[in-house]
Amino acid sequence: MHYKLAPSILAADFTRLGEQVRAVDEAGAQYIHLDVMDGAFVPSISFGMPVIKSLREITDKVFDVHMMVEEPGRYVEDMCRCGADLITVHAEACTHLDRVVNQIKEGGMRAGVAVNPATPLSVLDPILGELDMVLIMTVNPGFGGQKFIPYTMEKIRSLRRILTERELAADIQVDGGISSANVREVLEAGANVFVAGSAVFGEDPGARTREFLDIFGEYEA
């Protein structure tokens, strides 16, 4: 299995955003994770299309857009125009989840669905075969720097079993409280795409990125 790091720019220094994105890009991060928050689905407001469009000009890494907004289908076309490669929407935020997933794929992007810690995996049953990725939230969304919720580990294991049994190739992404100290355990549970914010962006984002990638290399060898 190939493991991918998705540094979340929510934890970056926005006065040096371009510089820090370049640092994780050059260090080998495969994705750039972009948390879009609307202040309704989650309490916080983050950033939107202008920031994403400006960053598209400085990196060709996969733009992994995590839509923490109510009825995200309203913004799919705009996100496509700004350079999104992968859009993840929350099952809890979509009245018609299958319609939004199809909208993303019709736009030429990959589609992911996120589930909050207390949301059962069963909500994905009708749509699982259409997904490129499932995002297991390991904290409640809306704020960076939270601690990993332990019971979500079994959720990761369960989803990996389901995907294996159904012979589905969707990635399992995890987001929340991921660090170099716990990433091995999460990886062994079955995840293969890891969002890390404060664990990457700090004094030396490039070095922190390489630390994660070195850990992944232990399992890919």
N, C-alpha and C. Protein backbone atom coordinates (compact mmCIF):
# COMPACT_ATOMS: atom_id res chain seq x y z
N MET A 1 0.85 -1.20 0.00
CA MET A 1 0.00 0.00 0.00
C MET A 1 0.88 1.24 0.00
N HIS A 2 0.43 2.26 -0.72
CA HIS A 2 1.18 3.51 -0.78
C HIS A 2 0.55 4.51 0.19
N TYR A 3 1.39 5.15 0.99
CA TYR A 3 0.92 6.07 2.02
C TYR A 3 1.21 7.50 1.61
N LYS A 4 0.27 8.40 1.91
CA LYS A 4 0.38 9.78 1.46
C LYS A 4 0.19 10.73 2.64
N LEU A 5 0.94 11.82 2.59
CA LEU A 5 0.82 12.87 3.60
C LEU A 5 0.10 14.06 2.98
N ALA A 6 -0.86 14.60 3.73
CA ALA A 6 -1.65 15.75 3.28
C ALA A 6 -1.53 16.86 4.32
N PRO A 7 -0.47 17.66 4.28
CA PRO A 7 -0.34 18.76 5.24
C PRO A 7 -1.49 19.75 5.12
N SER A 8 -2.09 20.07 6.26
CA SER A 8 -3.23 20.99 6.29
C SER A 8 -2.76 22.41 6.49
N ILE A 9 -3.04 23.27 5.51
CA ILE A 9 -2.54 24.64 5.60
C ILE A 9 -3.27 25.44 6.66
N LEU A 10 -4.31 24.87 7.25
CA LEU A 10 -5.01 25.58 8.34
C LEU A 10 -4.04 25.90 9.48
N ALA A 11 -3.01 25.07 9.63
CA ALA A 11 -2.04 25.27 10.71
C ALA A 11 -0.81 26.07 10.26
N ALA A 12 -0.78 26.48 9.00
CA ALA A 12 0.37 27.21 8.49
C ALA A 12 0.37 28.66 8.98
N ASP A 13 1.52 29.30 8.84
CA ASP A 13 1.65 30.73 9.11
C ASP A 13 1.20 31.46 7.84
N PHE A 14 0.03 32.10 7.88
CA PHE A 14 -0.52 32.69 6.67
C PHE A 14 0.27 33.91 6.20
N THR A 15 1.15 34.44 7.01
CA THR A 15 2.02 35.50 6.52
C THR A 15 3.15 34.94 5.68
N ARG A 16 3.33 33.61 5.73
CA ARG A 16 4.38 32.93 4.94
C ARG A 16 3.78 31.72 4.22
N LEU A 17 2.53 31.83 3.80
CA LEU A 17 1.81 30.66 3.31
C LEU A 17 2.46 30.06 2.06
N GLY A 18 2.78 30.90 1.09
CA GLY A 18 3.41 30.38 -0.12
C GLY A 18 4.72 29.69 0.17
N GLU A 19 5.53 30.29 1.01
CA GLU A 19 6.82 29.72 1.38
C GLU A 19 6.65 28.36 2.06
N GLN A 20 5.67 28.27 2.96
CA GLN A 20 5.49 27.01 3.69
C GLN A 20 4.90 25.92 2.81
N VAL A 21 4.01 26.28 1.90
CA VAL A 21 3.50 25.29 0.95
C VAL A 21 4.62 24.78 0.06
N ARG A 22 5.46 25.65 -0.40
CA ARG A 22 6.61 25.21 -1.21
C ARG A 22 7.51 24.27 -0.41
N ALA A 23 7.68 24.53 0.88
CA ALA A 23 8.56 23.70 1.71
C ALA A 23 8.05 22.27 1.80
N VAL A 24 6.74 22.10 2.04
CA VAL A 24 6.21 20.74 2.15
C VAL A 24 6.15 20.07 0.78
N ASP A 25 5.92 20.85 -0.25
CA ASP A 25 5.94 20.34 -1.63
C ASP A 25 7.33 19.78 -1.93
N GLU A 26 8.35 20.58 -1.74
CA GLU A 26 9.72 20.16 -2.07
C GLU A 26 10.20 19.02 -1.20
N ALA A 27 9.64 18.89 0.01
CA ALA A 27 10.02 17.79 0.90
C ALA A 27 9.35 16.47 0.52
N GLY A 28 8.34 16.54 -0.36
CA GLY A 28 7.75 15.31 -0.86
C GLY A 28 6.31 15.04 -0.48
N ALA A 29 5.64 15.97 0.21
CA ALA A 29 4.22 15.76 0.52
C ALA A 29 3.43 15.58 -0.77
N GLN A 30 2.58 14.57 -0.78
CA GLN A 30 1.86 14.26 -2.02
C GLN A 30 0.61 15.12 -2.20
N TYR A 31 -0.04 15.52 -1.11
CA TYR A 31 -1.26 16.30 -1.16
C TYR A 31 -1.05 17.62 -0.41
N ILE A 32 -1.85 18.61 -0.75
CA ILE A 32 -2.02 19.81 0.07
C ILE A 32 -3.48 19.82 0.52
N HIS A 33 -3.69 19.79 1.84
CA HIS A 33 -5.04 19.68 2.39
C HIS A 33 -5.58 21.08 2.67
N LEU A 34 -6.76 21.36 2.11
CA LEU A 34 -7.34 22.69 2.17
C LEU A 34 -8.69 22.62 2.88
N ASP A 35 -8.75 23.10 4.10
CA ASP A 35 -9.96 23.04 4.92
C ASP A 35 -10.81 24.28 4.69
N VAL A 36 -11.94 24.09 4.04
CA VAL A 36 -12.85 25.19 3.76
C VAL A 36 -14.00 25.12 4.77
N MET A 37 -14.13 26.15 5.61
CA MET A 37 -15.13 26.17 6.68
C MET A 37 -16.05 27.38 6.51
N ASP A 38 -17.34 27.17 6.81
CA ASP A 38 -18.31 28.22 6.52
C ASP A 38 -18.89 28.91 7.75
N GLY A 39 -18.51 28.49 8.96
CA GLY A 39 -19.08 29.09 10.15
C GLY A 39 -20.49 28.63 10.45
N ALA A 40 -21.00 27.66 9.67
CA ALA A 40 -22.35 27.12 9.88
C ALA A 40 -22.27 25.63 10.18
N PHE A 41 -21.71 24.86 9.26
CA PHE A 41 -21.54 23.43 9.53
C PHE A 41 -20.56 23.21 10.68
N VAL A 42 -19.54 24.05 10.72
CA VAL A 42 -18.59 24.08 11.84
C VAL A 42 -18.53 25.52 12.36
N PRO A 43 -18.09 25.73 13.60
CA PRO A 43 -18.12 27.09 14.15
C PRO A 43 -17.17 28.06 13.49
N SER A 44 -16.07 27.56 12.96
CA SER A 44 -15.03 28.45 12.43
C SER A 44 -15.27 28.81 10.97
N ILE A 45 -14.65 29.91 10.56
CA ILE A 45 -14.58 30.32 9.15
C ILE A 45 -13.11 30.31 8.78
N SER A 46 -12.76 29.70 7.64
CA SER A 46 -11.34 29.61 7.29
C SER A 46 -11.03 30.47 6.06
N PHE A 47 -11.08 29.89 4.88
CA PHE A 47 -10.73 30.59 3.64
C PHE A 47 -11.53 29.96 2.51
N GLY A 48 -11.47 30.61 1.35
CA GLY A 48 -12.25 30.10 0.23
C GLY A 48 -11.49 30.11 -1.08
N MET A 49 -12.21 30.35 -2.15
CA MET A 49 -11.66 30.19 -3.49
C MET A 49 -10.44 31.06 -3.80
N PRO A 50 -10.38 32.34 -3.39
CA PRO A 50 -9.21 33.15 -3.75
C PRO A 50 -7.89 32.57 -3.22
N VAL A 51 -7.90 32.05 -2.00
CA VAL A 51 -6.68 31.46 -1.43
C VAL A 51 -6.29 30.21 -2.21
N ILE A 52 -7.27 29.35 -2.50
CA ILE A 52 -6.97 28.12 -3.23
C ILE A 52 -6.43 28.44 -4.62
N LYS A 53 -7.04 29.37 -5.30
CA LYS A 53 -6.60 29.74 -6.64
C LYS A 53 -5.18 30.30 -6.62
N SER A 54 -4.85 31.10 -5.62
CA SER A 54 -3.51 31.68 -5.55
C SER A 54 -2.45 30.62 -5.28
N LEU A 55 -2.80 29.62 -4.46
CA LEU A 55 -1.84 28.55 -4.17
C LEU A 55 -1.64 27.62 -5.36
N ARG A 56 -2.65 27.50 -6.19
CA ARG A 56 -2.54 26.63 -7.37
C ARG A 56 -1.40 27.06 -8.27
N GLU A 57 -1.05 28.33 -8.21
CA GLU A 57 0.00 28.86 -9.07
C GLU A 57 1.40 28.47 -8.60
N ILE A 58 1.53 27.96 -7.37
CA ILE A 58 2.88 27.69 -6.86
C ILE A 58 3.17 26.22 -6.62
N THR A 59 2.19 25.33 -6.83
CA THR A 59 2.44 23.91 -6.62
C THR A 59 1.53 23.08 -7.52
N ASP A 60 2.05 21.94 -7.97
CA ASP A 60 1.22 21.03 -8.77
C ASP A 60 0.80 19.80 -7.98
N LYS A 61 1.00 19.83 -6.66
CA LYS A 61 0.57 18.70 -5.82
C LYS A 61 -0.95 18.62 -5.79
N VAL A 62 -1.44 17.45 -5.42
CA VAL A 62 -2.88 17.23 -5.38
C VAL A 62 -3.53 18.18 -4.38
N PHE A 63 -4.50 18.95 -4.84
CA PHE A 63 -5.27 19.82 -3.95
C PHE A 63 -6.45 19.02 -3.40
N ASP A 64 -6.35 18.73 -2.13
CA ASP A 64 -7.29 17.89 -1.38
C ASP A 64 -8.18 18.84 -0.59
N VAL A 65 -9.35 19.17 -1.16
CA VAL A 65 -10.22 20.19 -0.59
C VAL A 65 -11.27 19.53 0.31
N HIS A 66 -11.22 19.87 1.59
CA HIS A 66 -12.13 19.32 2.59
C HIS A 66 -13.20 20.36 2.86
N MET A 67 -14.41 20.09 2.37
CA MET A 67 -15.50 21.06 2.45
C MET A 67 -16.29 20.85 3.74
N MET A 68 -16.00 21.65 4.74
CA MET A 68 -16.75 21.64 5.99
C MET A 68 -17.80 22.75 5.94
N VAL A 69 -18.74 22.57 5.01
CA VAL A 69 -19.76 23.59 4.75
C VAL A 69 -21.11 22.91 4.55
N GLU A 70 -22.17 23.66 4.81
CA GLU A 70 -23.51 23.17 4.56
C GLU A 70 -23.78 23.13 3.05
N GLU A 71 -24.39 22.06 2.59
CA GLU A 71 -24.75 21.88 1.18
C GLU A 71 -23.59 22.25 0.25
N PRO A 72 -22.50 21.50 0.32
CA PRO A 72 -21.28 21.83 -0.44
C PRO A 72 -21.44 21.77 -1.95
N GLY A 73 -22.49 21.13 -2.44
CA GLY A 73 -22.70 21.08 -3.89
C GLY A 73 -22.78 22.46 -4.52
N ARG A 74 -23.13 23.46 -3.73
CA ARG A 74 -23.21 24.83 -4.24
C ARG A 74 -21.87 25.36 -4.73
N TYR A 75 -20.77 24.76 -4.24
CA TYR A 75 -19.45 25.32 -4.51
C TYR A 75 -18.56 24.41 -5.35
N VAL A 76 -19.07 23.27 -5.78
CA VAL A 76 -18.22 22.30 -6.49
C VAL A 76 -17.63 22.90 -7.76
N GLU A 77 -18.44 23.56 -8.57
CA GLU A 77 -17.93 24.12 -9.83
C GLU A 77 -16.87 25.18 -9.57
N ASP A 78 -17.07 26.02 -8.57
CA ASP A 78 -16.08 27.04 -8.24
C ASP A 78 -14.77 26.40 -7.79
N MET A 79 -14.85 25.36 -6.98
CA MET A 79 -13.64 24.69 -6.52
C MET A 79 -12.89 24.04 -7.68
N CYS A 80 -13.63 23.51 -8.62
CA CYS A 80 -13.00 22.95 -9.81
C CYS A 80 -12.23 24.02 -10.57
N ARG A 81 -12.83 25.17 -10.76
CA ARG A 81 -12.17 26.25 -11.49
C ARG A 81 -10.94 26.76 -10.75
N CYS A 82 -10.93 26.64 -9.43
CA CYS A 82 -9.78 27.11 -8.64
C CYS A 82 -8.63 26.10 -8.61
N GLY A 83 -8.87 24.88 -9.12
CA GLY A 83 -7.79 23.92 -9.20
C GLY A 83 -7.89 22.73 -8.28
N ALA A 84 -9.06 22.48 -7.69
CA ALA A 84 -9.22 21.31 -6.82
C ALA A 84 -9.06 20.03 -7.63
N ASP A 85 -8.37 19.05 -7.05
CA ASP A 85 -8.22 17.73 -7.67
C ASP A 85 -9.12 16.70 -7.00
N LEU A 86 -9.35 16.89 -5.72
CA LEU A 86 -10.12 15.95 -4.90
C LEU A 86 -10.98 16.78 -3.95
N ILE A 87 -12.27 16.53 -3.96
CA ILE A 87 -13.16 17.25 -3.05
C ILE A 87 -13.82 16.25 -2.12
N THR A 88 -13.71 16.52 -0.82
CA THR A 88 -14.36 15.69 0.19
C THR A 88 -15.46 16.50 0.85
N VAL A 89 -16.65 15.92 0.87
CA VAL A 89 -17.80 16.56 1.50
C VAL A 89 -18.25 15.71 2.69
N HIS A 90 -18.94 16.33 3.60
CA HIS A 90 -19.42 15.61 4.78
C HIS A 90 -20.78 14.97 4.52
N ALA A 91 -20.89 13.70 4.89
CA ALA A 91 -22.18 13.02 4.78
C ALA A 91 -23.25 13.79 5.55
N GLU A 92 -22.86 14.37 6.67
CA GLU A 92 -23.80 15.07 7.55
C GLU A 92 -24.29 16.39 6.95
N ALA A 93 -23.57 16.90 5.94
CA ALA A 93 -23.86 18.24 5.41
C ALA A 93 -24.64 18.22 4.10
N CYS A 94 -24.89 17.01 3.57
CA CYS A 94 -25.51 16.90 2.24
C CYS A 94 -26.92 16.32 2.34
N THR A 95 -27.89 17.05 1.83
CA THR A 95 -29.24 16.51 1.75
C THR A 95 -29.30 15.36 0.75
N HIS A 96 -28.60 15.51 -0.38
CA HIS A 96 -28.57 14.49 -1.43
C HIS A 96 -27.11 14.13 -1.70
N LEU A 97 -26.58 13.22 -0.90
CA LEU A 97 -25.15 12.91 -0.96
C LEU A 97 -24.74 12.34 -2.31
N ASP A 98 -25.55 11.43 -2.86
CA ASP A 98 -25.16 10.84 -4.14
C ASP A 98 -25.10 11.88 -5.25
N ARG A 99 -26.00 12.86 -5.21
CA ARG A 99 -26.00 13.91 -6.22
C ARG A 99 -24.70 14.72 -6.15
N VAL A 100 -24.26 15.04 -4.95
CA VAL A 100 -23.03 15.83 -4.80
C VAL A 100 -21.81 15.03 -5.25
N VAL A 101 -21.77 13.75 -4.90
CA VAL A 101 -20.65 12.90 -5.34
C VAL A 101 -20.60 12.85 -6.86
N ASN A 102 -21.74 12.66 -7.49
CA ASN A 102 -21.78 12.63 -8.96
C ASN A 102 -21.37 13.97 -9.55
N GLN A 103 -21.76 15.05 -8.91
CA GLN A 103 -21.40 16.39 -9.38
C GLN A 103 -19.88 16.56 -9.36
N ILE A 104 -19.24 16.10 -8.31
CA ILE A 104 -17.78 16.19 -8.21
C ILE A 104 -17.12 15.40 -9.33
N LYS A 105 -17.57 14.17 -9.53
CA LYS A 105 -16.95 13.31 -10.53
C LYS A 105 -17.22 13.81 -11.95
N GLU A 106 -18.39 14.36 -12.18
CA GLU A 106 -18.69 14.93 -13.49
C GLU A 106 -17.81 16.14 -13.80
N GLY A 107 -17.32 16.79 -12.75
CA GLY A 107 -16.41 17.91 -12.92
C GLY A 107 -14.98 17.49 -13.17
N GLY A 108 -14.74 16.17 -13.23
CA GLY A 108 -13.41 15.66 -13.51
C GLY A 108 -12.52 15.53 -12.28
N MET A 109 -13.11 15.63 -11.10
CA MET A 109 -12.34 15.52 -9.86
C MET A 109 -12.63 14.20 -9.16
N ARG A 110 -11.76 13.86 -8.22
CA ARG A 110 -12.01 12.70 -7.39
C ARG A 110 -12.94 13.09 -6.24
N ALA A 111 -13.72 12.12 -5.78
CA ALA A 111 -14.74 12.41 -4.77
C ALA A 111 -14.48 11.64 -3.48
N GLY A 112 -14.56 12.36 -2.38
CA GLY A 112 -14.45 11.75 -1.06
C GLY A 112 -15.63 12.14 -0.20
N VAL A 113 -15.93 11.31 0.78
CA VAL A 113 -16.96 11.64 1.76
C VAL A 113 -16.36 11.49 3.15
N ALA A 114 -16.60 12.49 4.00
CA ALA A 114 -16.12 12.49 5.38
C ALA A 114 -17.25 12.13 6.32
N VAL A 115 -16.89 11.45 7.41
CA VAL A 115 -17.84 11.16 8.47
C VAL A 115 -17.24 11.62 9.80
N ASN A 116 -18.05 12.30 10.59
CA ASN A 116 -17.63 12.77 11.90
C ASN A 116 -17.46 11.60 12.86
N PRO A 117 -16.77 11.81 13.98
CA PRO A 117 -16.50 10.70 14.90
C PRO A 117 -17.72 9.90 15.32
N ALA A 118 -18.84 10.56 15.58
CA ALA A 118 -20.03 9.86 16.07
C ALA A 118 -20.95 9.36 14.96
N THR A 119 -20.59 9.61 13.71
CA THR A 119 -21.42 9.17 12.58
C THR A 119 -21.06 7.74 12.20
N PRO A 120 -22.04 6.83 12.12
CA PRO A 120 -21.73 5.44 11.79
C PRO A 120 -21.32 5.27 10.33
N LEU A 121 -20.49 4.27 10.07
CA LEU A 121 -20.06 3.99 8.71
C LEU A 121 -21.22 3.58 7.82
N SER A 122 -22.30 3.14 8.40
CA SER A 122 -23.45 2.66 7.61
C SER A 122 -24.01 3.73 6.69
N VAL A 123 -23.79 5.01 6.99
CA VAL A 123 -24.31 6.06 6.12
C VAL A 123 -23.65 6.01 4.74
N LEU A 124 -22.50 5.33 4.66
CA LEU A 124 -21.77 5.26 3.40
C LEU A 124 -22.19 4.09 2.52
N ASP A 125 -22.96 3.18 3.07
CA ASP A 125 -23.27 1.94 2.35
C ASP A 125 -23.78 2.17 0.92
N PRO A 126 -24.75 3.06 0.70
CA PRO A 126 -25.29 3.19 -0.66
C PRO A 126 -24.29 3.78 -1.67
N ILE A 127 -23.29 4.51 -1.19
CA ILE A 127 -22.43 5.30 -2.07
C ILE A 127 -20.97 4.82 -2.07
N LEU A 128 -20.64 3.87 -1.23
CA LEU A 128 -19.24 3.51 -1.01
C LEU A 128 -18.53 3.11 -2.30
N GLY A 129 -19.21 2.39 -3.17
CA GLY A 129 -18.59 1.94 -4.41
C GLY A 129 -18.27 3.06 -5.38
N GLU A 130 -18.82 4.24 -5.16
CA GLU A 130 -18.58 5.39 -6.04
C GLU A 130 -17.45 6.29 -5.56
N LEU A 131 -16.93 6.02 -4.38
CA LEU A 131 -15.99 6.95 -3.76
C LEU A 131 -14.54 6.62 -4.08
N ASP A 132 -13.75 7.69 -4.21
CA ASP A 132 -12.30 7.55 -4.34
C ASP A 132 -11.63 7.56 -2.97
N MET A 133 -12.30 8.15 -1.98
CA MET A 133 -11.71 8.25 -0.65
C MET A 133 -12.81 8.41 0.39
N VAL A 134 -12.56 7.85 1.56
CA VAL A 134 -13.40 8.09 2.74
C VAL A 134 -12.51 8.77 3.78
N LEU A 135 -12.99 9.86 4.32
CA LEU A 135 -12.27 10.57 5.38
C LEU A 135 -12.91 10.26 6.72
N ILE A 136 -12.15 9.60 7.58
CA ILE A 136 -12.58 9.34 8.95
C ILE A 136 -12.08 10.50 9.82
N MET A 137 -13.02 11.29 10.32
CA MET A 137 -12.62 12.36 11.22
C MET A 137 -12.27 11.76 12.58
N THR A 138 -11.07 12.03 13.04
CA THR A 138 -10.61 11.49 14.32
C THR A 138 -10.63 12.56 15.42
N VAL A 139 -11.19 13.72 15.06
CA VAL A 139 -11.59 14.75 16.03
C VAL A 139 -12.90 15.32 15.49
N ASN A 140 -13.60 16.07 16.32
CA ASN A 140 -14.78 16.78 15.82
C ASN A 140 -14.32 17.99 15.01
N PRO A 141 -14.85 18.17 13.81
CA PRO A 141 -14.28 19.16 12.89
C PRO A 141 -14.53 20.60 13.33
N GLY A 142 -13.63 21.46 12.87
CA GLY A 142 -13.84 22.89 13.09
C GLY A 142 -12.66 23.62 13.70
N PHE A 143 -11.77 22.90 14.36
CA PHE A 143 -10.62 23.53 15.00
C PHE A 143 -9.38 22.66 14.83
N GLY A 144 -8.24 23.30 14.66
CA GLY A 144 -6.98 22.58 14.61
C GLY A 144 -6.44 22.32 16.00
N GLY A 145 -5.44 21.42 16.08
CA GLY A 145 -4.75 21.19 17.33
C GLY A 145 -5.47 20.32 18.34
N GLN A 146 -6.53 19.61 17.93
CA GLN A 146 -7.26 18.76 18.87
C GLN A 146 -6.57 17.40 19.02
N LYS A 147 -6.92 16.70 20.10
CA LYS A 147 -6.36 15.38 20.36
C LYS A 147 -7.16 14.30 19.64
N PHE A 148 -6.45 13.31 19.15
CA PHE A 148 -7.04 12.15 18.48
C PHE A 148 -8.04 11.46 19.40
N ILE A 149 -9.25 11.17 18.90
CA ILE A 149 -10.27 10.49 19.69
C ILE A 149 -10.05 8.98 19.59
N PRO A 150 -9.75 8.29 20.68
CA PRO A 150 -9.34 6.88 20.60
C PRO A 150 -10.34 5.95 19.94
N TYR A 151 -11.64 6.15 20.16
CA TYR A 151 -12.60 5.18 19.63
C TYR A 151 -12.69 5.20 18.11
N THR A 152 -12.15 6.23 17.48
CA THR A 152 -12.19 6.28 16.02
C THR A 152 -11.23 5.27 15.40
N MET A 153 -10.29 4.74 16.19
CA MET A 153 -9.36 3.75 15.66
C MET A 153 -10.10 2.50 15.17
N GLU A 154 -11.09 2.06 15.94
CA GLU A 154 -11.85 0.88 15.52
C GLU A 154 -12.67 1.17 14.27
N LYS A 155 -13.08 2.41 14.10
CA LYS A 155 -13.81 2.80 12.90
C LYS A 155 -12.93 2.66 11.66
N ILE A 156 -11.66 3.02 11.80
CA ILE A 156 -10.70 2.87 10.71
C ILE A 156 -10.54 1.38 10.37
N ARG A 157 -10.38 0.57 11.39
CA ARG A 157 -10.22 -0.87 11.17
C ARG A 157 -11.46 -1.45 10.47
N SER A 158 -12.63 -1.04 10.92
CA SER A 158 -13.88 -1.55 10.35
C SER A 158 -14.00 -1.17 8.88
N LEU A 159 -13.67 0.08 8.56
CA LEU A 159 -13.76 0.51 7.18
C LEU A 159 -12.77 -0.24 6.30
N ARG A 160 -11.57 -0.48 6.79
CA ARG A 160 -10.60 -1.25 5.99
C ARG A 160 -11.12 -2.65 5.73
N ARG A 161 -11.74 -3.27 6.72
CA ARG A 161 -12.31 -4.61 6.51
C ARG A 161 -13.41 -4.57 5.45
N ILE A 162 -14.27 -3.56 5.52
CA ILE A 162 -15.37 -3.45 4.56
C ILE A 162 -14.83 -3.28 3.14
N LEU A 163 -13.85 -2.40 2.97
CA LEU A 163 -13.29 -2.17 1.64
C LEU A 163 -12.63 -3.43 1.10
N THR A 164 -11.93 -4.15 1.96
CA THR A 164 -11.28 -5.38 1.54
C THR A 164 -12.30 -6.44 1.13
N GLU A 165 -13.34 -6.60 1.95
CA GLU A 165 -14.37 -7.59 1.66
C GLU A 165 -15.10 -7.29 0.35
N ARG A 166 -15.31 -6.02 0.06
CA ARG A 166 -16.04 -5.63 -1.15
C ARG A 166 -15.11 -5.42 -2.34
N GLU A 167 -13.81 -5.59 -2.10
CA GLU A 167 -12.79 -5.41 -3.15
C GLU A 167 -12.87 -4.01 -3.75
N LEU A 168 -12.96 -3.03 -2.88
CA LEU A 168 -13.00 -1.62 -3.28
C LEU A 168 -11.66 -0.97 -3.02
N ALA A 169 -11.29 -0.05 -3.89
CA ALA A 169 -9.95 0.53 -3.84
C ALA A 169 -9.90 1.92 -3.22
N ALA A 170 -10.97 2.37 -2.60
CA ALA A 170 -10.99 3.72 -2.03
C ALA A 170 -9.91 3.89 -0.97
N ASP A 171 -9.31 5.07 -0.95
CA ASP A 171 -8.36 5.42 0.10
C ASP A 171 -9.11 5.67 1.40
N ILE A 172 -8.40 5.47 2.51
CA ILE A 172 -8.90 5.87 3.82
C ILE A 172 -8.02 7.00 4.33
N GLN A 173 -8.62 8.16 4.46
CA GLN A 173 -7.91 9.32 4.99
C GLN A 173 -8.33 9.53 6.43
N VAL A 174 -7.40 9.99 7.26
CA VAL A 174 -7.71 10.35 8.64
C VAL A 174 -7.30 11.80 8.87
N ASP A 175 -8.08 12.48 9.69
CA ASP A 175 -7.85 13.90 9.93
C ASP A 175 -8.19 14.22 11.38
N GLY A 176 -7.17 14.65 12.12
CA GLY A 176 -7.39 15.09 13.50
C GLY A 176 -6.44 14.45 14.48
N GLY A 177 -5.53 15.24 15.02
CA GLY A 177 -4.64 14.74 16.05
C GLY A 177 -3.56 13.80 15.55
N ILE A 178 -3.26 13.82 14.26
CA ILE A 178 -2.24 12.94 13.71
C ILE A 178 -0.86 13.57 13.93
N SER A 179 0.05 12.74 14.42
CA SER A 179 1.42 13.19 14.66
C SER A 179 2.39 12.05 14.34
N SER A 180 3.67 12.36 14.32
CA SER A 180 4.66 11.31 14.09
C SER A 180 4.67 10.30 15.22
N ALA A 181 4.13 10.67 16.38
CA ALA A 181 4.10 9.76 17.53
C ALA A 181 3.01 8.70 17.41
N ASN A 182 1.89 9.02 16.73
CA ASN A 182 0.79 8.05 16.65
C ASN A 182 0.50 7.55 15.25
N VAL A 183 1.20 8.07 14.24
CA VAL A 183 0.83 7.74 12.87
C VAL A 183 1.04 6.26 12.55
N ARG A 184 2.00 5.61 13.18
CA ARG A 184 2.21 4.19 12.91
C ARG A 184 0.98 3.37 13.32
N GLU A 185 0.43 3.68 14.48
CA GLU A 185 -0.74 2.94 14.95
C GLU A 185 -1.93 3.15 14.03
N VAL A 186 -2.11 4.38 13.56
CA VAL A 186 -3.23 4.69 12.67
C VAL A 186 -3.02 4.01 11.31
N LEU A 187 -1.80 4.01 10.85
CA LEU A 187 -1.46 3.34 9.60
C LEU A 187 -1.75 1.84 9.70
N GLU A 188 -1.35 1.24 10.80
CA GLU A 188 -1.56 -0.19 10.99
C GLU A 188 -3.04 -0.54 11.12
N ALA A 189 -3.87 0.42 11.52
CA ALA A 189 -5.32 0.20 11.59
C ALA A 189 -5.95 0.16 10.21
N GLY A 190 -5.26 0.71 9.20
CA GLY A 190 -5.77 0.61 7.84
C GLY A 190 -5.83 1.90 7.04
N ALA A 191 -5.48 3.03 7.64
CA ALA A 191 -5.50 4.30 6.90
C ALA A 191 -4.29 4.39 5.99
N ASN A 192 -4.43 5.14 4.89
CA ASN A 192 -3.28 5.33 4.01
C ASN A 192 -3.07 6.76 3.55
N VAL A 193 -3.96 7.69 3.93
CA VAL A 193 -3.75 9.11 3.65
C VAL A 193 -3.92 9.86 4.97
N PHE A 194 -2.93 10.69 5.31
CA PHE A 194 -2.88 11.27 6.64
C PHE A 194 -2.82 12.80 6.57
N VAL A 195 -3.84 13.42 7.16
CA VAL A 195 -3.85 14.88 7.27
C VAL A 195 -3.12 15.25 8.55
N ALA A 196 -2.19 16.16 8.44
CA ALA A 196 -1.46 16.64 9.61
C ALA A 196 -1.29 18.15 9.48
N GLY A 197 -1.70 18.87 10.51
CA GLY A 197 -1.61 20.32 10.49
C GLY A 197 -0.50 20.82 11.38
N SER A 198 -0.78 20.92 12.68
CA SER A 198 0.23 21.44 13.60
C SER A 198 1.43 20.52 13.71
N ALA A 199 1.29 19.25 13.36
CA ALA A 199 2.42 18.32 13.39
C ALA A 199 3.38 18.54 12.23
N VAL A 200 2.95 19.32 11.23
CA VAL A 200 3.81 19.61 10.07
C VAL A 200 4.24 21.07 10.07
N PHE A 201 3.26 21.97 10.16
CA PHE A 201 3.59 23.39 10.03
C PHE A 201 4.06 23.94 11.37
N GLY A 202 5.25 24.44 11.35
CA GLY A 202 5.89 24.96 12.55
C GLY A 202 7.25 25.49 12.18
N GLU A 203 8.22 25.18 12.99
CA GLU A 203 9.56 25.73 12.78
C GLU A 203 10.19 25.29 11.47
N ASP A 204 10.00 24.03 11.09
CA ASP A 204 10.62 23.51 9.87
C ASP A 204 9.66 22.53 9.19
N PRO A 205 8.69 23.03 8.42
CA PRO A 205 7.70 22.15 7.80
C PRO A 205 8.32 21.09 6.89
N GLY A 206 9.40 21.44 6.22
CA GLY A 206 10.05 20.48 5.34
C GLY A 206 10.59 19.29 6.11
N ALA A 207 11.26 19.56 7.23
CA ALA A 207 11.83 18.48 8.04
C ALA A 207 10.72 17.62 8.65
N ARG A 208 9.65 18.26 9.07
CA ARG A 208 8.55 17.50 9.66
C ARG A 208 7.85 16.64 8.61
N THR A 209 7.76 17.15 7.39
CA THR A 209 7.20 16.36 6.29
C THR A 209 8.07 15.13 6.05
N ARG A 210 9.36 15.32 5.99
CA ARG A 210 10.27 14.20 5.73
C ARG A 210 10.21 13.16 6.85
N GLU A 211 9.96 13.60 8.08
CA GLU A 211 9.84 12.66 9.20
C GLU A 211 8.66 11.72 8.97
N PHE A 212 7.53 12.27 8.55
CA PHE A 212 6.37 11.43 8.24
C PHE A 212 6.69 10.47 7.09
N LEU A 213 7.29 11.00 6.04
CA LEU A 213 7.55 10.17 4.86
C LEU A 213 8.54 9.06 5.17
N ASP A 214 9.48 9.32 6.07
CA ASP A 214 10.42 8.27 6.49
C ASP A 214 9.68 7.15 7.21
N ILE A 215 8.69 7.51 8.03
CA ILE A 215 7.88 6.49 8.71
C ILE A 215 7.11 5.66 7.68
N PHE A 216 6.51 6.34 6.70
CA PHE A 216 5.78 5.61 5.67
C PHE A 216 6.70 4.64 4.94
N GLY A 217 7.94 5.08 4.72
CA GLY A 217 8.89 4.24 4.01
C GLY A 217 9.19 2.94 4.73
N GLU A 218 9.06 2.94 6.05
CA GLU A 218 9.29 1.71 6.82
C GLU A 218 8.27 0.64 6.44
N TYR A 219 7.07 1.07 6.07
CA TYR A 219 5.98 0.13 5.77
C TYR A 219 5.89 -0.17 4.27
N GLU A 220 6.42 0.71 3.44
CA GLU A 220 6.35 0.50 2.00
C GLU A 220 7.49 -0.35 1.48
N ALA A 221 8.55 -0.45 2.25
CA ALA A 221 9.74 -1.20 1.80
C ALA A 221 9.43 -2.69 1.69
